[in-house]
Amino acid sequence: MTEGERKAVKALAWMCERYLGPGNATSLKHQFMSAGEMAIELLAEHGLVIRTSSGGSWTGEGRAFLELD
């Protein structure tokens, strides 16, 4: 991942944590909004989230990625 891609994925991850995380440290709920679904899909492609039927769960790598910087 290039530095620019890393910054974009990091911003997306934090937006998902803030707006799709129901106040819990592990799961994300996309509420069947297409933007949320696409965001979780992209994070899953990078190994940061494991997809579920209604969203996703952060992987260990995803939690560590959020805590970098």
PDB file of N, CA and C in Angstrom:
ATOM      1  N   MET A   1       0.857  -1.163   0.000  1.00  0.00           N
ATOM      2  CA  MET A   1       0.000   0.000   0.000  1.00  0.00           C
ATOM      3  C   MET A   1       0.905   1.228   0.000  1.00  0.00           C
ATOM      4  N   THR A   2       0.606   2.157  -0.898  1.00  0.00           N
ATOM      5  CA  THR A   2       1.378   3.398  -0.937  1.00  0.00           C
ATOM      6  C   THR A   2       1.028   4.268   0.277  1.00  0.00           C
ATOM      7  N   GLU A   3       1.827   5.298   0.502  1.00  0.00           N
ATOM      8  CA  GLU A   3       1.558   6.205   1.624  1.00  0.00           C
ATOM      9  C   GLU A   3       0.199   6.886   1.460  1.00  0.00           C
ATOM     10  N   GLY A   4      -0.131   7.282   0.240  1.00  0.00           N
ATOM     11  CA  GLY A   4      -1.428   7.909  -0.017  1.00  0.00           C
ATOM     12  C   GLY A   4      -2.586   6.959   0.240  1.00  0.00           C
ATOM     13  N   GLU A   5      -2.432   5.715  -0.214  1.00  0.00           N
ATOM     14  CA  GLU A   5      -3.472   4.701   0.035  1.00  0.00           C
ATOM     15  C   GLU A   5      -3.613   4.441   1.535  1.00  0.00           C
ATOM     16  N   ARG A   6      -2.485   4.371   2.229  1.00  0.00           N
ATOM     17  CA  ARG A   6      -2.525   4.113   3.669  1.00  0.00           C
ATOM     18  C   ARG A   6      -3.292   5.226   4.380  1.00  0.00           C
ATOM     19  N   LYS A   7      -3.059   6.466   3.983  1.00  0.00           N
ATOM     20  CA  LYS A   7      -3.770   7.591   4.600  1.00  0.00           C
ATOM     21  C   LYS A   7      -5.264   7.520   4.323  1.00  0.00           C
ATOM     22  N   ALA A   8      -5.625   7.175   3.093  1.00  0.00           N
ATOM     23  CA  ALA A   8      -7.047   7.085   2.739  1.00  0.00           C
ATOM     24  C   ALA A   8      -7.732   5.939   3.484  1.00  0.00           C
ATOM     25  N   VAL A   9      -7.081   4.788   3.553  1.00  0.00           N
ATOM     26  CA  VAL A   9      -7.652   3.649   4.269  1.00  0.00           C
ATOM     27  C   VAL A   9      -7.746   3.955   5.758  1.00  0.00           C
ATOM     28  N   LYS A  10      -6.747   4.638   6.289  1.00  0.00           N
ATOM     29  CA  LYS A  10      -6.767   5.022   7.707  1.00  0.00           C
ATOM     30  C   LYS A  10      -7.953   5.941   7.996  1.00  0.00           C
ATOM     31  N   ALA A  11      -8.176   6.934   7.137  1.00  0.00           N
ATOM     32  CA  ALA A  11      -9.314   7.845   7.322  1.00  0.00           C
ATOM     33  C   ALA A  11     -10.629   7.084   7.232  1.00  0.00           C
ATOM     34  N   LEU A  12     -10.731   6.171   6.276  1.00  0.00           N
ATOM     35  CA  LEU A  12     -11.940   5.367   6.135  1.00  0.00           C
ATOM     36  C   LEU A  12     -12.160   4.492   7.368  1.00  0.00           C
ATOM     37  N   ALA A  13     -11.098   3.898   7.862  1.00  0.00           N
ATOM     38  CA  ALA A  13     -11.204   3.053   9.050  1.00  0.00           C
ATOM     39  C   ALA A  13     -11.705   3.855  10.247  1.00  0.00           C
ATOM     40  N   TRP A  14     -11.170   5.053  10.439  1.00  0.00           N
ATOM     41  CA  TRP A  14     -11.620   5.878  11.565  1.00  0.00           C
ATOM     42  C   TRP A  14     -13.058   6.343  11.394  1.00  0.00           C
ATOM     43  N   MET A  15     -13.460   6.651  10.169  1.00  0.00           N
ATOM     44  CA  MET A  15     -14.855   7.027   9.931  1.00  0.00           C
ATOM     45  C   MET A  15     -15.780   5.845  10.233  1.00  0.00           C
ATOM     46  N   CYS A  16     -15.371   4.656   9.845  1.00  0.00           N
ATOM     47  CA  CYS A  16     -16.178   3.470  10.138  1.00  0.00           C
ATOM     48  C   CYS A  16     -16.252   3.232  11.640  1.00  0.00           C
ATOM     49  N   GLU A  17     -15.125   3.374  12.310  1.00  0.00           N
ATOM     50  CA  GLU A  17     -15.096   3.193  13.765  1.00  0.00           C
ATOM     51  C   GLU A  17     -16.054   4.180  14.434  1.00  0.00           C
ATOM     52  N   ARG A  18     -16.037   5.397  13.973  1.00  0.00           N
ATOM     53  CA  ARG A  18     -16.856   6.453  14.590  1.00  0.00           C
ATOM     54  C   ARG A  18     -18.339   6.314  14.266  1.00  0.00           C
ATOM     55  N   TYR A  19     -18.671   6.048  12.990  1.00  0.00           N
ATOM     56  CA  TYR A  19     -20.068   6.099  12.565  1.00  0.00           C
ATOM     57  C   TYR A  19     -20.742   4.746  12.396  1.00  0.00           C
ATOM     58  N   LEU A  20     -19.981   3.679  12.257  1.00  0.00           N
ATOM     59  CA  LEU A  20     -20.584   2.358  12.096  1.00  0.00           C
ATOM     60  C   LEU A  20     -20.396   1.481  13.321  1.00  0.00           C
ATOM     61  N   GLY A  21     -19.524   1.879  14.234  1.00  0.00           N
ATOM     62  CA  GLY A  21     -19.295   1.121  15.460  1.00  0.00           C
ATOM     63  C   GLY A  21     -20.341   1.490  16.497  1.00  0.00           C
ATOM     64  N   PRO A  22     -21.147   0.534  16.921  1.00  0.00           N
ATOM     65  CA  PRO A  22     -22.226   0.854  17.877  1.00  0.00           C
ATOM     66  C   PRO A  22     -21.719   0.973  19.307  1.00  0.00           C
ATOM     67  N   GLY A  23     -20.648   1.705  19.518  1.00  0.00           N
ATOM     68  CA  GLY A  23     -20.115   1.874  20.863  1.00  0.00           C
ATOM     69  C   GLY A  23     -19.434   0.638  21.401  1.00  0.00           C
ATOM     70  N   ASN A  24     -18.997  -0.237  20.506  1.00  0.00           N
ATOM     71  CA  ASN A  24     -18.340  -1.464  20.930  1.00  0.00           C
ATOM     72  C   ASN A  24     -17.054  -1.602  20.144  1.00  0.00           C
ATOM     73  N   ALA A  25     -16.055  -2.113  20.769  1.00  0.00           N
ATOM     74  CA  ALA A  25     -14.705  -2.099  20.212  1.00  0.00           C
ATOM     75  C   ALA A  25     -14.464  -3.102  19.095  1.00  0.00           C
ATOM     76  N   THR A  26     -15.411  -3.983  18.811  1.00  0.00           N
ATOM     77  CA  THR A  26     -15.094  -5.019  17.838  1.00  0.00           C
ATOM     78  C   THR A  26     -15.973  -5.034  16.600  1.00  0.00           C
ATOM     79  N   SER A  27     -17.219  -4.605  16.667  1.00  0.00           N
ATOM     80  CA  SER A  27     -18.094  -4.776  15.512  1.00  0.00           C
ATOM     81  C   SER A  27     -18.474  -3.468  14.843  1.00  0.00           C
ATOM     82  N   LEU A  28     -18.819  -3.598  13.569  1.00  0.00           N
ATOM     83  CA  LEU A  28     -19.289  -2.482  12.760  1.00  0.00           C
ATOM     84  C   LEU A  28     -20.628  -2.889  12.154  1.00  0.00           C
ATOM     85  N   LYS A  29     -21.589  -2.004  12.132  1.00  0.00           N
ATOM     86  CA  LYS A  29     -22.903  -2.256  11.536  1.00  0.00           C
ATOM     87  C   LYS A  29     -23.127  -1.247  10.419  1.00  0.00           C
ATOM     88  N   HIS A  30     -23.230  -1.728   9.185  1.00  0.00           N
ATOM     89  CA  HIS A  30     -23.376  -0.811   8.056  1.00  0.00           C
ATOM     90  C   HIS A  30     -24.807  -0.331   7.871  1.00  0.00           C
ATOM     91  N   GLN A  31     -25.745  -0.862   8.620  1.00  0.00           N
ATOM     92  CA  GLN A  31     -27.152  -0.470   8.572  1.00  0.00           C
ATOM     93  C   GLN A  31     -27.699  -0.523   7.151  1.00  0.00           C
ATOM     94  N   PHE A  32     -27.130  -1.403   6.339  1.00  0.00           N
ATOM     95  CA  PHE A  32     -27.552  -1.635   4.967  1.00  0.00           C
ATOM     96  C   PHE A  32     -27.530  -0.371   4.111  1.00  0.00           C
ATOM     97  N   MET A  33     -26.621   0.552   4.452  1.00  0.00           N
ATOM     98  CA  MET A  33     -26.356   1.722   3.613  1.00  0.00           C
ATOM     99  C   MET A  33     -25.255   1.313   2.639  1.00  0.00           C
ATOM    100  N   SER A  34     -25.421   1.633   1.371  1.00  0.00           N
ATOM    101  CA  SER A  34     -24.436   1.183   0.386  1.00  0.00           C
ATOM    102  C   SER A  34     -23.043   1.728   0.675  1.00  0.00           C
ATOM    103  N   ALA A  35     -22.934   2.960   1.153  1.00  0.00           N
ATOM    104  CA  ALA A  35     -21.606   3.513   1.463  1.00  0.00           C
ATOM    105  C   ALA A  35     -20.949   2.728   2.593  1.00  0.00           C
ATOM    106  N   GLY A  36     -21.717   2.361   3.613  1.00  0.00           N
ATOM    107  CA  GLY A  36     -21.184   1.560   4.715  1.00  0.00           C
ATOM    108  C   GLY A  36     -20.777   0.176   4.253  1.00  0.00           C
ATOM    109  N   GLU A  37     -21.606  -0.423   3.399  1.00  0.00           N
ATOM    110  CA  GLU A  37     -21.286  -1.749   2.863  1.00  0.00           C
ATOM    111  C   GLU A  37     -19.994  -1.716   2.064  1.00  0.00           C
ATOM    112  N   MET A  38     -19.832  -0.684   1.215  1.00  0.00           N
ATOM    113  CA  MET A  38     -18.614  -0.561   0.408  1.00  0.00           C
ATOM    114  C   MET A  38     -17.391  -0.304   1.280  1.00  0.00           C
ATOM    115  N   ALA A  39     -17.557   0.512   2.316  1.00  0.00           N
ATOM    116  CA  ALA A  39     -16.439   0.804   3.211  1.00  0.00           C
ATOM    117  C   ALA A  39     -15.963  -0.459   3.909  1.00  0.00           C
ATOM    118  N   ILE A  40     -16.897  -1.241   4.422  1.00  0.00           N
ATOM    119  CA  ILE A  40     -16.527  -2.481   5.105  1.00  0.00           C
ATOM    120  C   ILE A  40     -15.893  -3.460   4.132  1.00  0.00           C
ATOM    121  N   GLU A  41     -16.419  -3.524   2.917  1.00  0.00           N
ATOM    122  CA  GLU A  41     -15.832  -4.405   1.903  1.00  0.00           C
ATOM    123  C   GLU A  41     -14.379  -4.022   1.621  1.00  0.00           C
ATOM    124  N   LEU A  42     -14.113  -2.726   1.493  1.00  0.00           N
ATOM    125  CA  LEU A  42     -12.747  -2.269   1.219  1.00  0.00           C
ATOM    126  C   LEU A  42     -11.815  -2.579   2.393  1.00  0.00           C
ATOM    127  N   LEU A  43     -12.292  -2.352   3.611  1.00  0.00           N
ATOM    128  CA  LEU A  43     -11.467  -2.664   4.780  1.00  0.00           C
ATOM    129  C   LEU A  43     -11.207  -4.168   4.863  1.00  0.00           C
ATOM    130  N   ALA A  44     -12.183  -4.972   4.475  1.00  0.00           N
ATOM    131  CA  ALA A  44     -11.995  -6.427   4.466  1.00  0.00           C
ATOM    132  C   ALA A  44     -10.954  -6.842   3.427  1.00  0.00           C
ATOM    133  N   GLU A  45     -10.940  -6.173   2.285  1.00  0.00           N
ATOM    134  CA  GLU A  45      -9.940  -6.465   1.247  1.00  0.00           C
ATOM    135  C   GLU A  45      -8.522  -6.222   1.758  1.00  0.00           C
ATOM    136  N   HIS A  46      -8.366  -5.321   2.703  1.00  0.00           N
ATOM    137  CA  HIS A  46      -7.061  -5.016   3.288  1.00  0.00           C
ATOM    138  C   HIS A  46      -6.795  -5.831   4.556  1.00  0.00           C
ATOM    139  N   GLY A  47      -7.698  -6.747   4.912  1.00  0.00           N
ATOM    140  CA  GLY A  47      -7.490  -7.605   6.078  1.00  0.00           C
ATOM    141  C   GLY A  47      -7.751  -6.930   7.410  1.00  0.00           C
ATOM    142  N   LEU A  48      -8.427  -5.787   7.382  1.00  0.00           N
ATOM    143  CA  LEU A  48      -8.666  -5.039   8.616  1.00  0.00           C
ATOM    144  C   LEU A  48      -9.989  -5.412   9.279  1.00  0.00           C
ATOM    145  N   VAL A  49     -10.891  -5.979   8.497  1.00  0.00           N
ATOM    146  CA  VAL A  49     -12.234  -6.336   8.966  1.00  0.00           C
ATOM    147  C   VAL A  49     -12.592  -7.707   8.416  1.00  0.00           C
ATOM    148  N   ILE A  50     -13.340  -8.467   9.180  1.00  0.00           N
ATOM    149  CA  ILE A  50     -13.951  -9.708   8.700  1.00  0.00           C
ATOM    150  C   ILE A  50     -15.418  -9.390   8.480  1.00  0.00           C
ATOM    151  N   ARG A  51     -15.915  -9.611   7.270  1.00  0.00           N
ATOM    152  CA  ARG A  51     -17.297  -9.282   6.940  1.00  0.00           C
ATOM    153  C   ARG A  51     -18.284 -10.215   7.631  1.00  0.00           C
ATOM    154  N   THR A  52     -19.411  -9.647   8.040  1.00  0.00           N
ATOM    155  CA  THR A  52     -20.541 -10.404   8.570  1.00  0.00           C
ATOM    156  C   THR A  52     -21.772  -9.988   7.768  1.00  0.00           C
ATOM    157  N   SER A  53     -22.904 -10.615   8.015  1.00  0.00           N
ATOM    158  CA  SER A  53     -24.101 -10.300   7.230  1.00  0.00           C
ATOM    159  C   SER A  53     -24.589  -8.864   7.426  1.00  0.00           C
ATOM    160  N   SER A  54     -24.359  -8.288   8.582  1.00  0.00           N
ATOM    161  CA  SER A  54     -24.842  -6.926   8.822  1.00  0.00           C
ATOM    162  C   SER A  54     -23.712  -5.917   9.004  1.00  0.00           C
ATOM    163  N   GLY A  55     -22.493  -6.313   8.705  1.00  0.00           N
ATOM    164  CA  GLY A  55     -21.367  -5.398   8.860  1.00  0.00           C
ATOM    165  C   GLY A  55     -20.053  -6.131   8.873  1.00  0.00           C
ATOM    166  N   GLY A  56     -19.331  -5.990   9.977  1.00  0.00           N
ATOM    167  CA  GLY A  56     -18.042  -6.644  10.077  1.00  0.00           C
ATOM    168  C   GLY A  56     -17.500  -6.577  11.487  1.00  0.00           C
ATOM    169  N   SER A  57     -16.401  -7.275  11.677  1.00  0.00           N
ATOM    170  CA  SER A  57     -15.684  -7.264  12.954  1.00  0.00           C
ATOM    171  C   SER A  57     -14.237  -6.910  12.670  1.00  0.00           C
ATOM    172  N   TRP A  58     -13.681  -6.059  13.504  1.00  0.00           N
ATOM    173  CA  TRP A  58     -12.275  -5.705  13.342  1.00  0.00           C
ATOM    174  C   TRP A  58     -11.403  -6.929  13.569  1.00  0.00           C
ATOM    175  N   THR A  59     -10.382  -7.063  12.761  1.00  0.00           N
ATOM    176  CA  THR A  59      -9.374  -8.087  12.994  1.00  0.00           C
ATOM    177  C   THR A  59      -8.341  -7.496  13.957  1.00  0.00           C
ATOM    178  N   GLY A  60      -7.453  -8.329  14.453  1.00  0.00           N
ATOM    179  CA  GLY A  60      -6.358  -7.820  15.280  1.00  0.00           C
ATOM    180  C   GLY A  60      -5.519  -6.816  14.516  1.00  0.00           C
ATOM    181  N   GLU A  61      -5.302  -7.102  13.240  1.00  0.00           N
ATOM    182  CA  GLU A  61      -4.545  -6.192  12.382  1.00  0.00           C
ATOM    183  C   GLU A  61      -5.291  -4.869  12.217  1.00  0.00           C
ATOM    184  N   GLY A  62      -6.620  -4.938  12.115  1.00  0.00           N
ATOM    185  CA  GLY A  62      -7.424  -3.723  11.985  1.00  0.00           C
ATOM    186  C   GLY A  62      -7.348  -2.860  13.224  1.00  0.00           C
ATOM    187  N   ARG A  63      -7.444  -3.472  14.410  1.00  0.00           N
ATOM    188  CA  ARG A  63      -7.341  -2.710  15.656  1.00  0.00           C
ATOM    189  C   ARG A  63      -5.961  -2.069  15.774  1.00  0.00           C
ATOM    190  N   ALA A  64      -4.927  -2.826  15.400  1.00  0.00           N
ATOM    191  CA  ALA A  64      -3.557  -2.284  15.458  1.00  0.00           C
ATOM    192  C   ALA A  64      -3.401  -1.134  14.468  1.00  0.00           C
ATOM    193  N   PHE A  65      -3.997  -1.261  13.277  1.00  0.00           N
ATOM    194  CA  PHE A  65      -3.932  -0.212  12.263  1.00  0.00           C
ATOM    195  C   PHE A  65      -4.542   1.081  12.781  1.00  0.00           C
ATOM    196  N   LEU A  66      -5.669   0.977  13.498  1.00  0.00           N
ATOM    197  CA  LEU A  66      -6.309   2.171  14.072  1.00  0.00           C
ATOM    198  C   LEU A  66      -5.422   2.848  15.110  1.00  0.00           C
ATOM    199  N   GLU A  67      -4.610   2.077  15.778  1.00  0.00           N
ATOM    200  CA  GLU A  67      -3.791   2.626  16.856  1.00  0.00           C
ATOM    201  C   GLU A  67      -2.433   3.140  16.390  1.00  0.00           C
ATOM    202  N   LEU A  68      -2.087   2.915  15.117  1.00  0.00           N
ATOM    203  CA  LEU A  68      -0.825   3.442  14.578  1.00  0.00           C
ATOM    204  C   LEU A  68      -0.870   4.950  14.507  1.00  0.00           C
ATOM    205  N   ASP A  69       0.266   5.588  14.605  1.00  0.00           N
ATOM    206  CA  ASP A  69       0.438   7.047  14.475  1.00  0.00           C
ATOM    207  C   ASP A  69      -0.095   7.683  15.690  1.00  0.00           C
TER     208      ASP A  69
END
